[in-house]
C-alpha atoms as a PDB file:
ATOM      1  CA  UNK A   1     -12.590  83.869  12.600  1.00  0.00           C
ATOM      2  CA  UNK A   2     -16.331  83.498  12.047  1.00  0.00           C
ATOM      3  CA  UNK A   3     -17.715  86.613   9.720  1.00  0.00           C
ATOM      4  CA  UNK A   4     -20.220  88.763  11.614  1.00  0.00           C
ATOM      5  CA  UNK A   5     -23.832  89.191  10.561  1.00  0.00           C
ATOM      6  CA  UNK A   6     -23.209  92.608   9.395  1.00  0.00           C
ATOM      7  CA  UNK A   7     -20.405  91.304   6.930  1.00  0.00           C
ATOM      8  CA  UNK A   8     -22.587  88.183   5.838  1.00  0.00           C
ATOM      9  CA  UNK A   9     -25.353  91.029   4.783  1.00  0.00           C
ATOM     10  CA  UNK A  10     -22.995  93.284   3.021  1.00  0.00           C
ATOM     11  CA  UNK A  11     -21.856  90.221   0.898  1.00  0.00           C
ATOM     12  CA  UNK A  12     -25.220  89.328   0.032  1.00  0.00           C
ATOM     13  CA  UNK A  13     -26.360  92.721  -1.006  1.00  0.00           C
ATOM     14  CA  UNK A  14     -23.082  92.947  -3.177  1.00  0.00           C
ATOM     15  CA  UNK A  15     -23.922  89.558  -4.766  1.00  0.00           C
ATOM     16  CA  UNK A  16     -27.412  90.901  -5.602  1.00  0.00           C
ATOM     17  CA  UNK A  17     -26.189  94.004  -6.737  1.00  0.00           C
ATOM     18  CA  UNK A  18     -24.065  92.151  -9.344  1.00  0.00           C
ATOM     19  CA  UNK A  19     -26.981  89.971 -10.516  1.00  0.00           C
ATOM     20  CA  UNK A  20     -28.115  90.847 -14.108  1.00  0.00           C
ATOM     21  CA  UNK A  21     -31.473  92.652 -14.132  1.00  0.00           C
ATOM     22  CA  UNK A  22     -34.102  90.573 -15.728  1.00  0.00           C
ATOM     23  CA  UNK A  23     -34.410  91.260 -19.481  1.00  0.00           C
ATOM     24  CA  UNK A  24     -37.900  89.509 -20.081  1.00  0.00           C
ATOM     25  CA  UNK A  25     -40.476  92.076 -19.893  1.00  0.00           C
ATOM     26  CA  UNK A  26     -43.343  91.439 -17.399  1.00  0.00           C
ATOM     27  CA  UNK A  27     -47.022  91.210 -18.280  1.00  0.00           C
ATOM     28  CA  UNK A  28     -47.796  94.720 -17.176  1.00  0.00           C
ATOM     29  CA  UNK A  29     -44.786  96.146 -19.162  1.00  0.00           C
ATOM     30  CA  UNK A  30     -45.861  94.077 -22.114  1.00  0.00           C
ATOM     31  CA  UNK A  31     -49.453  95.325 -21.878  1.00  0.00           C
ATOM     32  CA  UNK A  32     -48.029  99.143 -21.770  1.00  0.00           C
ATOM     33  CA  UNK A  33     -45.928  98.527 -25.022  1.00  0.00           C
ATOM     34  CA  UNK A  34     -48.600  96.737 -26.890  1.00  0.00           C
ATOM     35  CA  UNK A  35     -50.983  99.767 -26.222  1.00  0.00           C
ATOM     36  CA  UNK A  36     -48.040 101.897 -27.490  1.00  0.00           C
ATOM     37  CA  UNK A  37     -47.706  99.590 -30.486  1.00  0.00           C
ATOM     38  CA  UNK A  38     -51.423 100.138 -31.490  1.00  0.00           C
ATOM     39  CA  UNK A  39     -51.226 103.929 -31.426  1.00  0.00           C
ATOM     40  CA  UNK A  40     -47.781 103.661 -33.401  1.00  0.00           C
ATOM     41  CA  UNK A  41     -49.624 101.838 -36.199  1.00  0.00           C
ATOM     42  CA  UNK A  42     -51.271 105.055 -37.181  1.00  0.00           C
ATOM     43  CA  UNK A  43     -48.110 107.028 -37.740  1.00  0.00           C
ATOM     44  CA  UNK A  44     -48.116 107.169 -41.397  1.00  0.00           C
ATOM     45  CA  UNK A  45     -51.599 108.967 -41.348  1.00  0.00           C
ATOM     46  CA  UNK A  46     -50.122 111.464 -38.836  1.00  0.00           C
ATOM     47  CA  UNK A  47     -46.372 111.768 -39.564  1.00  0.00           C
ATOM     48  CA  UNK A  48     -46.623 111.419 -43.248  1.00  0.00           C
ATOM     49  CA  UNK A  49     -49.822 112.731 -44.767  1.00  0.00           C
ATOM     50  CA  UNK A  50     -50.095 115.792 -42.505  1.00  0.00           C
ATOM     51  CA  UNK A  51     -46.713 117.153 -43.215  1.00  0.00           C
ATOM     52  CA  UNK A  52     -45.281 118.763 -46.399  1.00  0.00           C
ATOM     53  CA  UNK A  53     -43.345 116.300 -48.697  1.00  0.00           C
ATOM     54  CA  UNK A  54     -39.861 115.629 -47.623  1.00  0.00           C
ATOM     55  CA  UNK A  55     -40.464 117.983 -44.240  1.00  0.00           C
ATOM     56  CA  UNK A  56     -37.512 117.215 -41.767  1.00  0.00           C
ATOM     57  CA  UNK A  57     -36.731 118.032 -38.076  1.00  0.00           C
ATOM     58  CA  UNK A  58     -33.305 118.353 -36.641  1.00  0.00           C
ATOM     59  CA  UNK A  59     -32.337 115.697 -34.065  1.00  0.00           C
ATOM     60  CA  UNK A  60     -29.209 114.313 -32.567  1.00  0.00           C
ATOM     61  CA  UNK A  61     -27.073 111.856 -34.552  1.00  0.00           C
ATOM     62  CA  UNK A  62     -27.879 109.052 -31.668  1.00  0.00           C
ATOM     63  CA  UNK A  63     -31.665 109.893 -32.017  1.00  0.00           C
ATOM     64  CA  UNK A  64     -31.669 108.194 -35.280  1.00  0.00           C
ATOM     65  CA  UNK A  65     -32.047 104.773 -33.529  1.00  0.00           C
ATOM     66  CA  UNK A  66     -32.287 102.193 -36.342  1.00  0.00           C
ATOM     67  CA  UNK A  67     -32.033  98.216 -36.144  1.00  0.00           C
ATOM     68  CA  UNK A  68     -28.596  98.437 -37.398  1.00  0.00           C
ATOM     69  CA  UNK A  69     -27.786 100.409 -34.094  1.00  0.00           C
ATOM     70  CA  UNK A  70     -29.015  97.737 -32.035  1.00  0.00           C
ATOM     71  CA  UNK A  71     -26.968  95.277 -33.787  1.00  0.00           C
ATOM     72  CA  UNK A  72     -23.684  96.991 -33.260  1.00  0.00           C
ATOM     73  CA  UNK A  73     -24.355  98.005 -29.762  1.00  0.00           C
ATOM     74  CA  UNK A  74     -25.089  93.925 -28.936  1.00  0.00           C
ATOM     75  CA  UNK A  75     -21.688  93.188 -30.210  1.00  0.00           C
ATOM     76  CA  UNK A  76     -18.627  93.089 -27.712  1.00  0.00           C
ATOM     77  CA  UNK A  77     -16.495  96.213 -27.451  1.00  0.00           C
ATOM     78  CA  UNK A  78     -12.965  95.414 -26.965  1.00  0.00           C
ATOM     79  CA  UNK A  79     -11.096  98.247 -24.929  1.00  0.00           C
ATOM     80  CA  UNK A  80      -7.331  97.268 -24.328  1.00  0.00           C
ATOM     81  CA  UNK A  81      -7.561  94.242 -22.132  1.00  0.00           C
ATOM     82  CA  UNK A  82     -11.109  94.445 -21.136  1.00  0.00           C
ATOM     83  CA  UNK A  83     -14.479  93.446 -22.977  1.00  0.00           C
ATOM     84  CA  UNK A  84     -17.438  95.515 -22.454  1.00  0.00           C
ATOM     85  CA  UNK A  85     -20.624  93.660 -22.815  1.00  0.00           C
ATOM     86  CA  UNK A  86     -23.878  95.772 -23.350  1.00  0.00           C
ATOM     87  CA  UNK A  87     -26.843  94.079 -21.926  1.00  0.00           C
ATOM     88  CA  UNK A  88     -30.404  93.774 -23.263  1.00  0.00           C
ATOM     89  CA  UNK A  89     -31.816  95.799 -20.668  1.00  0.00           C
ATOM     90  CA  UNK A  90     -29.101  98.767 -21.582  1.00  0.00           C
ATOM     91  CA  UNK A  91     -30.424  98.779 -24.825  1.00  0.00           C
ATOM     92  CA  UNK A  92     -34.220  98.948 -23.672  1.00  0.00           C
ATOM     93  CA  UNK A  93     -33.246 101.787 -21.533  1.00  0.00           C
ATOM     94  CA  UNK A  94     -31.467 103.733 -24.375  1.00  0.00           C
ATOM     95  CA  UNK A  95     -34.763 102.998 -26.604  1.00  0.00           C
ATOM     96  CA  UNK A  96     -37.029 104.645 -24.391  1.00  0.00           C
ATOM     97  CA  UNK A  97     -34.578 107.699 -23.513  1.00  0.00           C
ATOM     98  CA  UNK A  98     -34.152 108.083 -27.297  1.00  0.00           C
ATOM     99  CA  UNK A  99     -37.597 107.947 -28.455  1.00  0.00           C
ATOM    100  CA  UNK A 100     -39.001 110.307 -25.406  1.00  0.00           C
ATOM    101  CA  UNK A 101     -36.682 112.906 -26.468  1.00  0.00           C
ATOM    102  CA  UNK A 102     -37.594 112.468 -30.191  1.00  0.00           C
ATOM    103  CA  UNK A 103     -41.489 112.941 -28.952  1.00  0.00           C
ATOM    104  CA  UNK A 104     -40.389 116.001 -27.136  1.00  0.00           C
ATOM    105  CA  UNK A 105     -38.679 117.535 -30.222  1.00  0.00           C
ATOM    106  CA  UNK A 106     -42.032 116.739 -32.348  1.00  0.00           C
ATOM    107  CA  UNK A 107     -44.204 118.379 -29.763  1.00  0.00           C
ATOM    108  CA  UNK A 108     -41.960 121.600 -29.738  1.00  0.00           C
ATOM    109  CA  UNK A 109     -42.144 122.055 -33.673  1.00  0.00           C
ATOM    110  CA  UNK A 110     -45.861 121.213 -33.807  1.00  0.00           C
ATOM    111  CA  UNK A 111     -48.509 124.174 -33.285  1.00  0.00           C
ATOM    112  CA  UNK A 112     -51.385 123.035 -31.017  1.00  0.00           C
ATOM    113  CA  UNK A 113     -53.762 123.479 -33.808  1.00  0.00           C
ATOM    114  CA  UNK A 114     -51.897 121.078 -36.045  1.00  0.00           C
ATOM    115  CA  UNK A 115     -53.836 117.917 -36.962  1.00  0.00           C
ATOM    116  CA  UNK A 116     -51.024 115.667 -35.807  1.00  0.00           C
ATOM    117  CA  UNK A 117     -50.343 117.682 -32.104  1.00  0.00           C
ATOM    118  CA  UNK A 118     -53.023 115.492 -30.197  1.00  0.00           C
ATOM    119  CA  UNK A 119     -51.619 112.374 -31.700  1.00  0.00           C
ATOM    120  CA  UNK A 120     -48.031 113.251 -30.839  1.00  0.00           C
ATOM    121  CA  UNK A 121     -49.074 114.329 -27.397  1.00  0.00           C
ATOM    122  CA  UNK A 122     -50.891 110.982 -26.773  1.00  0.00           C
ATOM    123  CA  UNK A 123     -47.765 109.197 -27.880  1.00  0.00           C
ATOM    124  CA  UNK A 124     -45.757 111.273 -25.644  1.00  0.00           C
ATOM    125  CA  UNK A 125     -48.360 110.241 -22.664  1.00  0.00           C
ATOM    126  CA  UNK A 126     -48.171 106.601 -23.431  1.00  0.00           C
ATOM    127  CA  UNK A 127     -44.297 106.615 -23.286  1.00  0.00           C
ATOM    128  CA  UNK A 128     -44.455 108.221 -19.995  1.00  0.00           C
ATOM    129  CA  UNK A 129     -46.819 105.270 -18.999  1.00  0.00           C
ATOM    130  CA  UNK A 130     -44.349 102.804 -20.333  1.00  0.00           C
ATOM    131  CA  UNK A 131     -41.326 104.417 -18.261  1.00  0.00           C
ATOM    132  CA  UNK A 132     -43.410 104.086 -15.036  1.00  0.00           C
ATOM    133  CA  UNK A 133     -43.641 100.365 -15.402  1.00  0.00           C
ATOM    134  CA  UNK A 134     -40.016  99.676 -16.164  1.00  0.00           C
ATOM    135  CA  UNK A 135     -37.178  99.986 -13.205  1.00  0.00           C
ATOM    136  CA  UNK A 136     -35.361 103.440 -13.055  1.00  0.00           C
ATOM    137  CA  UNK A 137     -32.422 102.973 -15.186  1.00  0.00           C
ATOM    138  CA  UNK A 138     -30.569 105.691 -13.008  1.00  0.00           C
ATOM    139  CA  UNK A 139     -30.154 102.921 -10.275  1.00  0.00           C
ATOM    140  CA  UNK A 140     -27.581 100.756 -12.279  1.00  0.00           C
ATOM    141  CA  UNK A 141     -24.320 101.571 -13.653  1.00  0.00           C
ATOM    142  CA  UNK A 142     -24.520 101.588 -17.385  1.00  0.00           C
ATOM    143  CA  UNK A 143     -21.701 100.190 -19.592  1.00  0.00           C
ATOM    144  CA  UNK A 144     -19.053 102.686 -21.064  1.00  0.00           C
ATOM    145  CA  UNK A 145     -20.770 102.618 -24.519  1.00  0.00           C
ATOM    146  CA  UNK A 146     -24.220 103.235 -23.393  1.00  0.00           C
ATOM    147  CA  UNK A 147     -22.990 105.929 -21.076  1.00  0.00           C
ATOM    148  CA  UNK A 148     -21.103 107.713 -24.065  1.00  0.00           C
ATOM    149  CA  UNK A 149     -24.353 107.768 -25.992  1.00  0.00           C
ATOM    150  CA  UNK A 150     -26.303 109.295 -23.254  1.00  0.00           C
ATOM    151  CA  UNK A 151     -23.604 111.848 -22.779  1.00  0.00           C
ATOM    152  CA  UNK A 152     -23.988 112.915 -26.444  1.00  0.00           C
ATOM    153  CA  UNK A 153     -27.685 112.973 -26.398  1.00  0.00           C
ATOM    154  CA  UNK A 154     -27.472 115.475 -23.518  1.00  0.00           C
ATOM    155  CA  UNK A 155     -25.050 117.771 -25.440  1.00  0.00           C
ATOM    156  CA  UNK A 156     -26.703 120.827 -26.404  1.00  0.00           C
ATOM    157  CA  UNK A 157     -23.921 121.631 -28.875  1.00  0.00           C
ATOM    158  CA  UNK A 158     -23.102 118.317 -30.725  1.00  0.00           C
ATOM    159  CA  UNK A 159     -20.617 118.249 -33.624  1.00  0.00           C
ATOM    160  CA  UNK A 160     -23.315 117.391 -35.997  1.00  0.00           C
ATOM    161  CA  UNK A 161     -27.226 117.149 -36.368  1.00  0.00           C
ATOM    162  CA  UNK A 162     -29.278 114.821 -38.541  1.00  0.00           C
ATOM    163  CA  UNK A 163     -32.299 115.985 -40.475  1.00  0.00           C
ATOM    164  CA  UNK A 164     -34.948 113.130 -40.447  1.00  0.00           C
ATOM    165  CA  UNK A 165     -38.484 112.951 -41.405  1.00  0.00           C
ATOM    166  CA  UNK A 166     -41.193 112.539 -38.513  1.00  0.00           C
ATOM    167  CA  UNK A 167     -42.323 109.138 -39.986  1.00  0.00           C
ATOM    168  CA  UNK A 168     -38.898 107.773 -40.159  1.00  0.00           C
ATOM    169  CA  UNK A 169     -38.210 108.455 -36.633  1.00  0.00           C
ATOM    170  CA  UNK A 170     -41.426 106.606 -35.534  1.00  0.00           C
ATOM    171  CA  UNK A 171     -40.637 103.800 -37.903  1.00  0.00           C
ATOM    172  CA  UNK A 172     -37.404 103.508 -36.229  1.00  0.00           C
ATOM    173  CA  UNK A 173     -39.099 103.439 -32.782  1.00  0.00           C
ATOM    174  CA  UNK A 174     -41.503 100.940 -33.962  1.00  0.00           C
ATOM    175  CA  UNK A 175     -39.241  98.298 -35.458  1.00  0.00           C
ATOM    176  CA  UNK A 176     -36.599  98.689 -32.652  1.00  0.00           C
ATOM    177  CA  UNK A 177     -39.560  98.324 -30.299  1.00  0.00           C
ATOM    178  CA  UNK A 178     -40.278  94.959 -31.667  1.00  0.00           C
ATOM    179  CA  UNK A 179     -36.568  93.881 -31.679  1.00  0.00           C
ATOM    180  CA  UNK A 180     -35.908  94.703 -27.921  1.00  0.00           C
ATOM    181  CA  UNK A 181     -39.101  93.647 -26.507  1.00  0.00           C
ATOM    182  CA  UNK A 182     -39.934  90.377 -28.821  1.00  0.00           C
ATOM    183  CA  UNK A 183     -41.212  88.453 -25.984  1.00  0.00           C
ATOM    184  CA  UNK A 184     -44.082  91.115 -25.941  1.00  0.00           C
ATOM    185  CA  UNK A 185     -45.018  90.554 -29.499  1.00  0.00           C
ATOM    186  CA  UNK A 186     -45.404  86.874 -30.433  1.00  0.00           C
ATOM    187  CA  UNK A 187     -46.521  85.875 -33.833  1.00  0.00           C
ATOM    188  CA  UNK A 188     -48.921  83.002 -34.970  1.00  0.00           C
ATOM    189  CA  UNK A 189     -46.536  82.357 -37.816  1.00  0.00           C
ATOM    190  CA  UNK A 190     -43.701  81.381 -35.209  1.00  0.00           C
ATOM    191  CA  UNK A 191     -40.844  83.388 -34.058  1.00  0.00           C
ATOM    192  CA  UNK A 192     -40.054  86.313 -35.926  1.00  0.00           C
ATOM    193  CA  UNK A 193     -36.854  88.008 -36.698  1.00  0.00           C
ATOM    194  CA  UNK A 194     -37.841  91.626 -35.849  1.00  0.00           C
ATOM    195  CA  UNK A 195     -34.171  92.499 -35.524  1.00  0.00           C
ATOM    196  CA  UNK A 196     -33.685  91.619 -39.042  1.00  0.00           C
ATOM    197  CA  UNK A 197     -34.068  94.118 -41.948  1.00  0.00           C
ATOM    198  CA  UNK A 198     -35.564  91.387 -44.266  1.00  0.00           C
ATOM    199  CA  UNK A 199     -38.587  91.074 -41.911  1.00  0.00           C
ATOM    200  CA  UNK A 200     -39.602  94.484 -42.455  1.00  0.00           C
ATOM    201  CA  UNK A 201     -39.043  94.463 -46.103  1.00  0.00           C
ATOM    202  CA  UNK A 202     -41.258  91.461 -46.240  1.00  0.00           C
ATOM    203  CA  UNK A 203     -43.886  93.343 -44.058  1.00  0.00           C
ATOM    204  CA  UNK A 204     -43.919  96.364 -46.607  1.00  0.00           C
ATOM    205  CA  UNK A 205     -44.665  93.926 -49.453  1.00  0.00           C
ATOM    206  CA  UNK A 206     -47.745  92.633 -47.630  1.00  0.00           C
ATOM    207  CA  UNK A 207     -48.830  95.901 -46.341  1.00  0.00           C
ATOM    208  CA  UNK A 208     -48.187  94.813 -42.742  1.00  0.00           C
ATOM    209  CA  UNK A 209     -46.008  97.534 -41.692  1.00  0.00           C
ATOM    210  CA  UNK A 210     -48.412 100.331 -41.256  1.00  0.00           C
END
């Protein structure tokens, strides 16, 4: 039997649906991320010097999104007889969501007259611009490990909270951004291992990690 045109079309659409989403950011996406990067370079001034020593805010455990979290999530998770693979695009979606929520929390605790309020509001605005140039992640089905994290992030009564300094939260944002979108941040010294802790330790010694 010769398949109908409608059947062929459904098969083609199904094939397109299962094709992986491009993980390499476009020029427009990189431009928005580089603008955000430049703003984040001022985080020490606004998130350390303008706060009391050891000042912390309460966040979800999952909102402390470090390089080590990226490394763990990149690994395959074996569940009974199946293997769940977390794609880079899933981690990029998670990075945007986590840091958007972190900035919302910072804005809620800062009075408008606080010297860091405008800086934080500008960062939050830049994050919204970044989101506008990336595909809507709600149109894709998330792998189970990522979906579980999203569910915990939206839980208003989690089992535990973390208390973290504002600067540490933005340090995590800055470093994981370079790790997950490394194609947007080429280096004249050759390819950098932005996902490695050693890279950032070396950067501190050279005063490059502002």
